[in-house]
Every structure is written in structure tokens, then in C-alpha cells.
Amino acid sequence: MEEEIRTYIEPVCQQERVHLIDTAVHGSGPGRIIRVVVDTDRGITLKECEDLSRKFSDIFFRKNLYGGSYRLEVSSPGVEKSLEADYEFNRNIGRDLKLEYISENESKSVTGTLKAYENGILMLETPHGPVNISRNKLKKAHVKLKW
């Protein structure tokens, strides 16, 4: 059913220049929840999520999805999501990242400021100097939040 939902809402996402990150359906009957996670190149606002929710609801109503018995949640990926797409790395240039990666068949981690992202290479400034890591070596990449 999640693939069917994606099929319904992908055209809206493309039209609105929104990245469709994930769809999930939880529960059944009147307690069913449809979760849609979206993002943009610059980050998504609450207003954009609200507008998309209305558009998705209209589509689901016309398709009589689940007989109208569901709750729809449209949200951003949140701060905990691992960075994966090019636009996410480009958007976070200048921020501190914590990376887990593979080097010489060994798992390593590094924290530093993302100075640039070009051709799949993350260029970080760390306390020990510059470090370049290929995106295809990454296991996880997270923005290091300052609390």
C-alpha cells in the first residue's frame, strides 16, 4: 500500500519541488496513520507541510483511500535523520558533522566542520586538520547539534 501512496503523491512532490523521503502506514481501521516525510533543498517549513497535507488529503479522498479512515501526518525528516542525498550535504556546508565511515576495511568516525561537498567528496575541517571522505564510504552522517 505504501507504493500506491507514493504513486499518488509523487507528482505533487515533483510539482512543488519537494523531495519525498519516506511513506509509512501504521495500524489499521480508524486508528490507521499514514506518515509522509518530505524535505526541500533548503529545508521544509511547517506551512509547506500543511499545504502538502491538504493536497495529499484531497488526492486520498478522491481515491477513497482506506475508505477515508486514517490520520495523515506530513513532516520533515527531523534533526536525527542521517544525511544521505547531495542536497542534504550541500545544505549543511558550514555546519559540524559527525561521520561514520569505512577506511581500509575498518570502521572509523570523525567530527568536523563541512567546508565543501564536491563530486561525492566531503571536505571537513577537524581539530587535527582537513579530512576528505568519499560519500560512498559513509555509513552514517549526522549534523552535530549545539545545545
Protein backbone atom coordinates (compact mmCIF):
# COMPACT_ATOMS: atom_id res chain seq x y z
CA MET A 1 0.00 0.00 0.00
CA GLU A 2 2.92 2.37 0.64
CA GLU A 3 3.94 2.11 -3.02
CA GLU A 4 0.39 3.05 -4.03
CA ILE A 5 0.55 6.08 -1.74
CA ARG A 6 3.90 7.11 -3.27
CA THR A 7 2.39 6.80 -6.74
CA TYR A 8 -0.43 9.16 -5.75
CA ILE A 9 1.72 11.85 -4.14
CA GLU A 10 4.98 11.81 -6.14
CA PRO A 11 3.54 14.05 -8.90
CA VAL A 12 2.57 16.66 -6.29
CA CYS A 13 6.03 16.48 -4.74
CA GLN A 14 7.68 16.94 -8.14
CA GLN A 15 5.40 19.87 -8.96
CA GLU A 16 6.16 21.53 -5.61
CA ARG A 17 9.91 20.74 -5.86
CA VAL A 18 9.78 18.64 -2.71
CA HIS A 19 11.82 15.51 -2.00
CA LEU A 20 9.65 12.59 -0.94
CA ILE A 21 11.81 10.92 1.71
CA ASP A 22 9.53 8.22 3.08
CA THR A 23 5.97 6.95 3.37
CA ALA A 24 4.68 4.55 6.01
CA VAL A 25 1.33 3.15 7.07
CA HIS A 26 0.87 2.15 10.72
CA GLY A 27 -2.10 0.44 12.32
CA SER A 28 -5.46 -0.45 10.84
CA GLY A 29 -9.06 0.65 10.88
CA PRO A 30 -9.91 4.04 12.35
CA GLY A 31 -6.54 4.18 14.14
CA ARG A 32 -4.55 3.91 10.89
CA ILE A 33 -1.82 6.54 10.44
CA ILE A 34 -0.29 7.48 7.10
CA ARG A 35 3.08 9.16 7.62
CA VAL A 36 4.75 11.10 4.82
CA VAL A 37 8.23 12.57 5.27
CA VAL A 38 9.24 15.38 2.89
CA ASP A 39 12.09 17.86 2.51
CA THR A 40 13.37 20.59 0.20
CA ASP A 41 16.84 21.75 -0.78
CA ARG A 42 16.64 24.50 1.84
CA GLY A 43 14.65 22.59 4.49
CA ILE A 44 10.88 22.40 4.72
CA THR A 45 8.65 24.72 6.71
CA LEU A 46 5.57 23.91 8.77
CA LYS A 47 3.46 25.89 6.28
CA GLU A 48 4.78 23.79 3.39
CA CYS A 49 3.94 20.60 5.32
CA GLU A 50 0.42 21.92 5.97
CA ASP A 51 -0.09 22.79 2.28
CA LEU A 52 1.15 19.37 1.19
CA SER A 53 -1.07 17.67 3.76
CA ARG A 54 -4.13 19.36 2.23
CA LYS A 55 -3.09 18.38 -1.29
CA PHE A 56 -2.38 14.77 -0.28
CA SER A 57 -5.68 14.58 1.63
CA ASP A 58 -7.57 15.75 -1.47
CA ILE A 59 -5.94 13.01 -3.54
CA PHE A 60 -6.63 10.33 -0.91
CA PHE A 61 -10.26 11.48 -0.66
CA ARG A 62 -10.73 11.25 -4.44
CA LYS A 63 -9.12 7.77 -4.44
CA ASN A 64 -11.24 6.73 -1.41
CA LEU A 65 -8.05 5.53 0.25
CA TYR A 66 -8.85 3.25 3.21
CA GLY A 67 -12.46 4.42 2.99
CA GLY A 68 -11.34 7.74 4.50
CA SER A 69 -10.46 6.02 7.77
CA TYR A 70 -6.95 7.26 8.57
CA ARG A 71 -4.95 10.12 10.05
CA LEU A 72 -2.40 11.79 7.77
CA GLU A 73 0.89 13.14 9.16
CA VAL A 74 3.21 15.14 6.87
CA SER A 75 6.53 16.14 8.41
CA SER A 76 10.18 16.97 7.88
CA PRO A 77 12.84 14.28 8.32
CA GLY A 78 13.87 15.87 11.62
CA VAL A 79 17.31 16.58 13.02
CA GLU A 80 18.08 12.94 13.83
CA LYS A 81 17.95 11.72 10.21
CA SER A 82 21.23 10.62 8.71
CA LEU A 83 22.33 12.77 5.75
CA GLU A 84 22.21 10.81 2.50
CA ALA A 85 21.35 12.95 -0.53
CA ASP A 86 23.57 15.50 -2.28
CA TYR A 87 21.19 18.35 -1.42
CA GLU A 88 21.48 17.45 2.29
CA PHE A 89 25.28 17.72 2.24
CA ASN A 90 25.19 20.97 0.24
CA ARG A 91 22.62 22.45 2.63
CA ASN A 92 24.85 21.66 5.63
CA ILE A 93 28.09 23.27 4.42
CA GLY A 94 29.45 25.27 7.35
CA ARG A 95 27.89 23.01 9.96
CA ASP A 96 29.58 20.49 12.23
CA LEU A 97 29.02 16.88 11.17
CA LYS A 98 29.76 13.56 12.80
CA LEU A 99 30.62 10.93 10.19
CA GLU A 100 30.96 7.17 10.50
CA TYR A 101 32.78 5.66 7.54
CA ILE A 102 34.86 2.74 6.30
CA SER A 103 38.58 3.20 5.70
CA GLU A 104 40.84 0.29 4.83
CA ASN A 105 38.13 -2.20 5.89
CA GLU A 106 37.93 -0.54 9.29
CA SER A 107 35.06 1.45 10.79
CA LYS A 108 36.09 4.98 11.79
CA SER A 109 34.42 8.20 12.88
CA VAL A 110 35.31 11.85 12.65
CA THR A 111 33.72 15.13 13.69
CA GLY A 112 34.41 18.37 11.89
CA THR A 113 33.01 21.33 10.01
CA LEU A 114 31.84 20.56 6.48
CA LYS A 115 33.75 23.06 4.34
CA ALA A 116 32.68 21.77 0.92
CA TYR A 117 30.94 18.94 -0.87
CA GLU A 118 32.04 18.29 -4.44
CA ASN A 119 31.80 15.26 -6.72
CA GLY A 120 30.81 12.97 -3.86
CA ILE A 121 33.66 14.09 -1.59
CA LEU A 122 33.00 15.63 1.83
CA MET A 123 35.72 18.08 2.84
CA LEU A 124 35.85 18.62 6.60
CA GLU A 125 37.99 20.78 8.82
CA THR A 126 38.74 18.87 12.03
CA PRO A 127 40.79 19.80 15.11
CA HIS A 128 43.56 17.65 13.55
CA GLY A 129 43.43 19.30 10.12
CA PRO A 130 41.49 18.80 6.89
CA VAL A 131 39.91 15.43 6.09
CA ASN A 132 38.33 14.35 2.79
CA ILE A 133 35.91 11.42 2.80
CA SER A 134 34.18 9.85 -0.16
CA ARG A 135 30.41 9.68 0.23
CA ASN A 136 30.40 6.05 -0.90
CA LYS A 137 32.50 5.18 2.20
CA LEU A 138 29.93 6.67 4.62
CA LYS A 139 27.94 4.54 6.99
CA LYS A 140 26.24 7.48 8.74
CA ALA A 141 26.43 11.26 8.61
CA HIS A 142 24.69 13.46 11.17
CA VAL A 143 24.61 17.16 11.88
CA LYS A 144 26.22 17.68 15.28
CA LEU A 145 23.80 19.84 17.18
CA LYS A 146 24.99 22.53 19.57
CA TRP A 147 22.82 22.55 22.68
